[in-house]
Amino acid sequence: MGRRPSAVRPASAGRTDTRERPPARVEIRRRDGGLELRVDDTFASWYQPGETCTRSVWDAIAAPVLALPPHRRRRIAILGLGGGSVARVVRALAPEAELVGVEISDRVIRAARRAFGLDSLGVKAVRADARDWLRGGGDRFDAILDDVFVGRGREVRKPAWHAEEGLEGMRRRLAPGGLLVTNTLDEWRAVARAVRERFPAAVLIEVADYDNRIVVGGPAGLTGRRLRRAVEADPVLGPSCPALRFRSLRRAPPSPRPRSSPRSAAAAKQPWKERGCGEADPPSPGSPPSSPPRSPPSGSGSRFPSPWTGPSTTPRAGPWPRRPLPACAAACPSAGGSSSV
């Protein structure tokens, strides 16, 4: 990839838009007391012995499990198992759950078992193409966590089949009231619309200084505010909460707009709208002006749309963090060696 810090995109379950292929290169690198799994030049997993959380994207993918009551955390599937970074957090949140991890590469599974402690997590590792696994049907799950991407390095993206066939296949494999969680990059708006069309409620999770967006679909009652409170109160993920931002995604209500207002006409075409967690409802016509907007939270990234600042115009540089990760998930200058698997 050639740039540090590297893209956080758990890269395992897909390589092409038609037929997935195992990765050509699987590499383990030592950095700052931890291990980094790289799959075709993409940062796929992070493991630091003795640590459960990563304070990064993998925590955000696992966080929606907290929206389920404990008795509903029975069966959870992870598409794109990689080195098990998501599985490790999920196991801490759901100690009694049956975890199934779908991974296309035998070499990645072997690396995860040899160096990343996968066997200690009690995960049933399934060597399969994620698309074929979804088509196969079978048991239903309380949550499906999707980490499937194609491409390598800067070119990583969701596969072409994901937006329609993939999301629909995941929805069919969910038990009633289950959760669909999908990690996205540039395609997040299209994925968010598709998820919102299929579920009564949806939430967007952003990670400070990352381009990854986690889209969550679930039952009525799922909101960004409730999910954030659950994460804040959780002893496992609570320390990661300052790096995460939760927003409910709601359809804009159909209401007539004055034709003379270009802004209203544009809003009428928007199929859904974003609302920041804790953001107040817009004032009704004729209501007194509200208090001045709050300042952005300390340390929040300026690249993301915000209820305080509106959409960012900062140029994108790709799905790479703008600053080094915290120590527990650091992709810092190499302090050790690397090995191919």
Protein backbone atom coordinates (compact mmCIF):
# COMPACT_ATOMS: atom_id res chain seq x y z
CA MET A 1 0.00 0.00 0.00
CA GLY A 2 2.91 2.30 0.70
CA ARG A 3 1.26 4.71 3.17
CA ARG A 4 1.13 4.72 6.95
CA PRO A 5 -1.16 4.48 8.82
CA SER A 6 -2.70 1.73 6.70
CA ALA A 7 -6.32 1.38 5.66
CA VAL A 8 -8.48 -0.41 8.20
CA ARG A 9 -10.52 -2.68 6.03
CA PRO A 10 -10.82 -6.24 7.26
CA ALA A 11 -10.02 -7.86 3.94
CA SER A 12 -10.82 -11.48 3.69
CA ALA A 13 -14.11 -12.63 2.35
CA GLY A 14 -13.85 -11.33 -1.21
CA ARG A 15 -11.41 -10.61 -4.02
CA THR A 16 -13.42 -10.12 -7.23
CA ASP A 17 -16.89 -8.93 -8.16
CA THR A 18 -17.92 -12.21 -9.76
CA ARG A 19 -16.09 -15.15 -8.22
CA GLU A 20 -14.12 -14.62 -5.05
CA ARG A 21 -10.52 -15.78 -4.97
CA PRO A 22 -8.19 -16.51 -2.06
CA PRO A 23 -5.62 -13.77 -1.42
CA ALA A 24 -2.26 -13.92 -3.16
CA ARG A 25 -0.28 -12.69 -0.14
CA VAL A 26 -0.89 -13.16 3.59
CA GLU A 27 1.61 -11.50 5.90
CA ILE A 28 2.03 -11.10 9.67
CA ARG A 29 3.87 -8.05 10.95
CA ARG A 30 4.95 -7.12 14.47
CA ARG A 31 4.21 -3.56 15.55
CA ASP A 32 4.31 -1.95 18.98
CA GLY A 33 3.91 -5.17 20.89
CA GLY A 34 1.08 -6.44 18.70
CA LEU A 35 0.51 -8.36 15.50
CA GLU A 36 -0.88 -6.99 12.27
CA LEU A 37 -2.38 -9.25 9.60
CA ARG A 38 -2.01 -7.95 6.05
CA VAL A 39 -3.93 -9.58 3.24
CA ASP A 40 -2.98 -8.46 -0.27
CA ASP A 41 -1.45 -5.23 1.10
CA THR A 42 -4.52 -4.44 3.19
CA PHE A 43 -4.57 -4.10 6.98
CA ALA A 44 -6.91 -6.98 7.82
CA SER A 45 -6.61 -7.62 11.57
CA TRP A 46 -4.91 -6.36 14.70
CA TYR A 47 -4.08 -8.45 17.76
CA GLN A 48 -2.41 -7.40 20.98
CA PRO A 49 -2.16 -10.23 23.53
CA GLY A 50 -4.13 -9.42 26.66
CA GLU A 51 -6.31 -6.83 24.89
CA THR A 52 -9.87 -7.41 23.70
CA CYS A 53 -10.66 -4.10 22.02
CA THR A 54 -8.80 -2.26 19.29
CA ARG A 55 -10.23 1.27 19.84
CA SER A 56 -10.84 1.21 16.10
CA VAL A 57 -13.09 -0.02 13.31
CA TRP A 58 -13.33 -3.60 14.57
CA ASP A 59 -14.89 -2.35 17.81
CA ALA A 60 -17.45 -0.39 15.80
CA ILE A 61 -18.42 -3.50 13.83
CA ALA A 62 -18.99 -5.49 17.03
CA ALA A 63 -20.71 -2.67 18.99
CA PRO A 64 -24.26 -3.18 17.58
CA VAL A 65 -24.40 -6.58 19.32
CA LEU A 66 -25.12 -4.53 22.46
CA ALA A 67 -28.45 -3.48 20.91
CA LEU A 68 -29.63 -7.06 21.40
CA PRO A 69 -30.75 -8.21 24.85
CA PRO A 70 -28.43 -10.88 26.27
CA HIS A 71 -30.89 -13.70 25.56
CA ARG A 72 -30.90 -12.68 21.86
CA ARG A 73 -27.10 -12.95 21.47
CA ARG A 74 -27.26 -16.67 20.77
CA ARG A 75 -26.05 -17.09 17.18
CA ILE A 76 -23.81 -14.55 15.44
CA ALA A 77 -22.15 -14.82 12.01
CA ILE A 78 -19.11 -12.86 10.85
CA LEU A 79 -18.51 -12.61 7.10
CA GLY A 80 -14.81 -11.93 6.54
CA LEU A 81 -13.34 -13.52 9.66
CA GLY A 82 -9.74 -12.48 8.97
CA GLY A 83 -7.56 -12.76 12.07
CA GLY A 84 -10.56 -12.62 14.39
CA SER A 85 -10.41 -8.99 15.57
CA VAL A 86 -14.21 -8.63 15.41
CA ALA A 87 -14.78 -12.13 16.79
CA ARG A 88 -12.66 -11.35 19.86
CA VAL A 89 -14.83 -8.35 20.78
CA VAL A 90 -18.06 -10.21 20.02
CA ARG A 91 -16.99 -13.11 22.24
CA ALA A 92 -16.50 -10.68 25.12
CA LEU A 93 -19.97 -9.19 24.53
CA ALA A 94 -21.69 -12.56 24.06
CA PRO A 95 -19.77 -15.21 26.04
CA GLU A 96 -22.34 -17.96 25.43
CA ALA A 97 -23.04 -17.26 21.75
CA GLU A 98 -22.39 -19.63 18.89
CA LEU A 99 -20.00 -17.74 16.60
CA VAL A 100 -19.61 -18.67 12.94
CA GLY A 101 -16.85 -16.99 10.92
CA VAL A 102 -16.86 -17.22 7.12
CA GLU A 103 -13.44 -16.86 5.50
CA ILE A 104 -12.44 -17.63 1.92
CA SER A 105 -8.75 -18.27 2.59
CA ASP A 106 -7.29 -21.34 4.31
CA ARG A 107 -4.05 -19.41 4.71
CA VAL A 108 -5.80 -16.62 6.61
CA ILE A 109 -7.53 -19.15 8.89
CA ARG A 110 -4.19 -20.87 9.56
CA ALA A 111 -2.55 -17.54 10.35
CA ALA A 112 -5.40 -16.61 12.69
CA ARG A 113 -5.04 -19.90 14.54
CA ARG A 114 -1.26 -19.83 14.68
CA ALA A 115 -0.62 -16.21 15.64
CA PHE A 116 -3.91 -14.50 16.58
CA GLY A 117 -5.38 -16.91 19.13
CA LEU A 118 -8.45 -17.75 17.05
CA ASP A 119 -8.97 -21.17 18.64
CA SER A 120 -9.32 -19.58 22.09
CA LEU A 121 -12.40 -17.66 20.90
CA GLY A 122 -14.55 -20.70 20.20
CA VAL A 123 -15.35 -19.61 16.64
CA LYS A 124 -16.52 -22.12 14.06
CA ALA A 125 -14.36 -21.12 11.08
CA VAL A 126 -16.07 -21.95 7.77
CA ARG A 127 -13.87 -21.98 4.67
CA ALA A 128 -16.30 -20.58 2.09
CA ASP A 129 -17.06 -17.85 -0.42
CA ALA A 130 -19.32 -15.44 1.48
CA ARG A 131 -21.67 -15.12 -1.49
CA ASP A 132 -22.07 -18.90 -1.74
CA TRP A 133 -22.56 -19.17 2.02
CA LEU A 134 -25.45 -16.70 1.88
CA ARG A 135 -27.01 -18.50 -1.07
CA GLY A 136 -26.82 -21.80 0.77
CA GLY A 137 -29.48 -20.87 3.27
CA GLY A 138 -29.73 -22.84 6.49
CA ASP A 139 -29.81 -21.66 10.10
CA ARG A 140 -30.77 -18.13 11.04
CA PHE A 141 -28.72 -15.75 13.17
CA ASP A 142 -29.44 -13.05 15.72
CA ALA A 143 -26.81 -10.85 14.06
CA ILE A 144 -24.75 -10.96 10.88
CA LEU A 145 -21.61 -8.79 10.82
CA ASP A 146 -20.41 -8.18 7.26
CA ASP A 147 -16.77 -7.37 6.54
CA VAL A 148 -16.63 -8.44 2.89
CA PHE A 149 -14.54 -6.35 0.50
CA VAL A 150 -12.81 -6.78 -2.85
CA GLY A 151 -9.69 -5.20 -4.32
CA ARG A 152 -6.45 -4.37 -2.57
CA GLY A 153 -4.67 -1.41 -1.06
CA ARG A 154 -6.31 1.85 -2.06
CA GLU A 155 -8.85 0.13 -4.30
CA VAL A 156 -10.80 -1.78 -1.64
CA ARG A 157 -14.59 -1.62 -2.00
CA LYS A 158 -17.72 -3.67 -1.45
CA PRO A 159 -18.34 -6.29 -4.16
CA ALA A 160 -20.86 -5.52 -6.89
CA TRP A 161 -23.28 -8.16 -5.59
CA HIS A 162 -23.35 -6.68 -2.09
CA ALA A 163 -25.90 -3.85 -2.44
CA GLU A 164 -28.77 -6.04 -3.63
CA GLU A 165 -28.09 -9.77 -3.51
CA GLY A 166 -25.77 -9.56 -0.52
CA LEU A 167 -27.95 -7.41 1.73
CA GLU A 168 -31.06 -9.36 0.82
CA GLY A 169 -29.26 -12.65 1.47
CA MET A 170 -28.15 -11.43 4.90
CA ARG A 171 -31.66 -10.22 5.72
CA ARG A 172 -33.06 -13.67 4.89
CA ARG A 173 -30.53 -15.35 7.16
CA LEU A 174 -31.53 -13.21 10.15
CA ALA A 175 -33.92 -14.38 12.85
CA PRO A 176 -36.92 -12.06 13.45
CA GLY A 177 -35.71 -8.92 15.17
CA GLY A 178 -32.09 -9.62 14.20
CA LEU A 179 -29.36 -7.14 13.29
CA LEU A 180 -27.46 -6.65 10.04
CA VAL A 181 -24.12 -4.84 10.41
CA THR A 182 -22.02 -3.94 7.36
CA ASN A 183 -18.65 -2.19 7.16
CA THR A 184 -18.43 0.22 4.20
CA LEU A 185 -16.19 2.85 2.63
CA ASP A 186 -17.07 5.16 -0.27
CA GLU A 187 -20.28 3.26 -1.03
CA TRP A 188 -21.78 3.91 2.42
CA ARG A 189 -24.59 6.20 1.22
CA ALA A 190 -25.95 3.65 -1.26
CA VAL A 191 -25.63 0.88 1.31
CA ALA A 192 -27.37 3.01 3.96
CA ARG A 193 -30.31 3.63 1.62
CA ALA A 194 -30.59 -0.07 0.81
CA VAL A 195 -30.44 -1.06 4.48
CA ARG A 196 -33.01 1.59 5.43
CA GLU A 197 -35.39 0.20 2.80
CA ARG A 198 -35.15 -3.29 4.29
CA PHE A 199 -35.33 -2.60 8.03
CA PRO A 200 -37.62 -0.61 10.31
CA ALA A 201 -34.62 1.27 11.75
CA ALA A 202 -31.02 1.99 10.82
CA VAL A 203 -27.96 3.52 12.47
CA LEU A 204 -24.68 4.83 11.09
CA ILE A 205 -21.47 4.46 13.13
CA GLU A 206 -18.42 6.55 12.29
CA VAL A 207 -14.92 6.08 13.67
CA ALA A 208 -12.81 9.14 14.41
CA ASP A 209 -10.21 9.79 11.68
CA TYR A 210 -11.32 6.86 9.50
CA ASP A 211 -13.30 6.71 6.28
CA ASN A 212 -15.07 3.50 7.36
CA ARG A 213 -18.80 3.78 8.02
CA ILE A 214 -20.65 0.98 9.78
CA VAL A 215 -24.29 0.70 8.69
CA VAL A 216 -26.66 -1.15 11.02
CA GLY A 217 -30.18 -2.34 10.20
CA GLY A 218 -32.54 -3.69 12.84
CA PRO A 219 -35.96 -3.64 14.46
CA ALA A 220 -37.99 -0.59 15.44
CA GLY A 221 -36.51 0.99 18.52
CA LEU A 222 -32.92 0.81 17.28
CA THR A 223 -31.50 4.34 17.49
CA GLY A 224 -28.08 5.91 17.56
CA ARG A 225 -28.77 7.41 20.99
CA ARG A 226 -29.69 4.06 22.57
CA LEU A 227 -26.78 2.24 20.99
CA ARG A 228 -24.31 4.85 22.16
CA ARG A 229 -25.66 4.65 25.71
CA ALA A 230 -25.29 0.87 25.64
CA VAL A 231 -21.67 1.18 24.45
CA GLU A 232 -20.87 3.83 27.06
CA ALA A 233 -22.21 1.61 29.83
CA ASP A 234 -20.46 -1.55 28.67
CA PRO A 235 -17.24 -2.45 30.54
CA VAL A 236 -15.68 -3.96 27.41
CA LEU A 237 -16.45 -1.30 24.79
CA GLY A 238 -16.89 1.73 27.03
CA PRO A 239 -13.27 2.88 26.57
CA SER A 240 -13.77 2.82 22.78
CA CYS A 241 -16.87 5.03 22.84
CA PRO A 242 -15.07 8.41 22.52
CA ALA A 243 -13.76 7.30 19.11
CA LEU A 244 -17.23 6.31 17.85
CA ARG A 245 -20.14 8.43 16.66
CA PHE A 246 -23.67 7.05 16.35
CA ARG A 247 -26.41 8.54 14.17
CA SER A 248 -29.91 7.36 13.46
CA LEU A 249 -30.85 7.19 9.78
CA ARG A 250 -34.46 8.12 9.16
CA ARG A 251 -36.56 8.61 6.10
CA ALA A 252 -37.48 12.23 5.51
CA PRO A 253 -41.24 12.65 6.14
CA PRO A 254 -43.27 13.36 2.99
CA SER A 255 -44.41 16.95 3.31
CA PRO A 256 -45.19 19.67 0.74
CA ARG A 257 -42.46 22.21 0.12
CA PRO A 258 -42.69 25.64 -1.53
CA ARG A 259 -41.74 25.28 -5.18
CA SER A 260 -39.87 28.56 -5.03
CA SER A 261 -37.29 27.14 -2.63
CA PRO A 262 -34.49 25.22 -4.40
CA ARG A 263 -33.32 23.86 -1.06
CA SER A 264 -36.77 22.45 -0.28
CA ALA A 265 -37.00 20.87 -3.71
CA ALA A 266 -33.66 19.17 -3.18
CA ALA A 267 -34.73 17.97 0.27
CA ALA A 268 -37.91 16.48 -1.16
CA LYS A 269 -35.83 14.26 -3.42
CA GLN A 270 -33.69 12.97 -0.55
CA PRO A 271 -35.00 9.47 0.32
CA TRP A 272 -33.57 9.55 3.84
CA LYS A 273 -31.92 11.95 6.19
CA GLU A 274 -29.19 11.73 8.78
CA ARG A 275 -29.63 12.84 12.35
CA GLY A 276 -26.78 13.09 14.78
CA CYS A 277 -27.12 11.22 18.04
CA GLY A 278 -28.55 13.77 20.45
CA GLU A 279 -29.29 16.33 17.75
CA ALA A 280 -32.46 18.32 18.42
CA ASP A 281 -35.47 18.24 16.13
CA PRO A 282 -35.59 21.15 13.65
CA PRO A 283 -37.67 24.10 14.90
CA SER A 284 -41.16 24.50 13.52
CA PRO A 285 -42.00 27.55 11.37
CA GLY A 286 -42.47 30.66 13.49
CA SER A 287 -40.75 29.24 16.56
CA PRO A 288 -38.20 31.41 18.39
CA PRO A 289 -34.58 30.96 17.40
CA SER A 290 -32.73 28.24 19.19
CA SER A 291 -29.56 28.61 21.21
CA PRO A 292 -26.24 28.76 19.32
CA PRO A 293 -24.92 25.39 18.12
CA ARG A 294 -22.47 23.57 20.33
CA SER A 295 -18.85 23.22 19.42
CA PRO A 296 -17.73 19.94 17.94
CA PRO A 297 -16.57 17.36 20.48
CA SER A 298 -12.90 17.47 21.31
CA GLY A 299 -10.84 15.40 18.91
CA SER A 300 -13.60 14.68 16.42
CA GLY A 301 -12.56 14.36 12.81
CA SER A 302 -13.53 17.16 10.44
CA ARG A 303 -13.92 14.78 7.52
CA PHE A 304 -17.33 13.50 8.53
CA PRO A 305 -20.73 15.20 8.17
CA SER A 306 -21.62 16.69 11.53
CA PRO A 307 -24.72 18.18 13.18
CA TRP A 308 -22.52 21.13 14.13
CA THR A 309 -20.64 21.82 10.92
CA GLY A 310 -22.58 20.20 8.08
CA PRO A 311 -20.93 18.13 5.32
CA SER A 312 -17.19 18.37 5.20
CA THR A 313 -15.42 19.71 2.14
CA THR A 314 -12.01 18.38 3.18
CA PRO A 315 -10.47 16.45 0.25
CA ARG A 316 -10.44 12.70 0.69
CA ALA A 317 -7.18 10.79 0.53
CA GLY A 318 -8.70 7.32 0.50
CA PRO A 319 -9.73 4.97 3.31
CA TRP A 320 -6.69 5.77 5.44
CA PRO A 321 -6.64 7.27 8.94
CA ARG A 322 -5.45 10.86 9.08
CA ARG A 323 -3.45 10.25 12.26
CA PRO A 324 -1.86 7.22 13.96
CA LEU A 325 -4.09 4.80 15.80
CA PRO A 326 -4.09 4.67 19.60
CA ALA A 327 -1.51 2.38 21.10
CA CYS A 328 -3.78 -0.68 21.24
CA ALA A 329 -4.47 -0.52 17.49
CA ALA A 330 -1.42 1.32 16.26
CA ALA A 331 -0.29 1.06 12.67
CA CYS A 332 2.92 2.88 13.51
CA PRO A 333 6.42 2.64 12.06
CA SER A 334 7.49 -0.95 12.24
CA ALA A 335 9.11 -2.02 15.48
CA GLY A 336 9.63 -5.59 14.42
CA GLY A 337 9.74 -7.94 11.50
CA SER A 338 7.16 -9.55 9.26
CA SER A 339 6.51 -13.03 7.99
CA SER A 340 4.54 -14.47 5.12
CA VAL A 341 2.03 -17.20 5.80
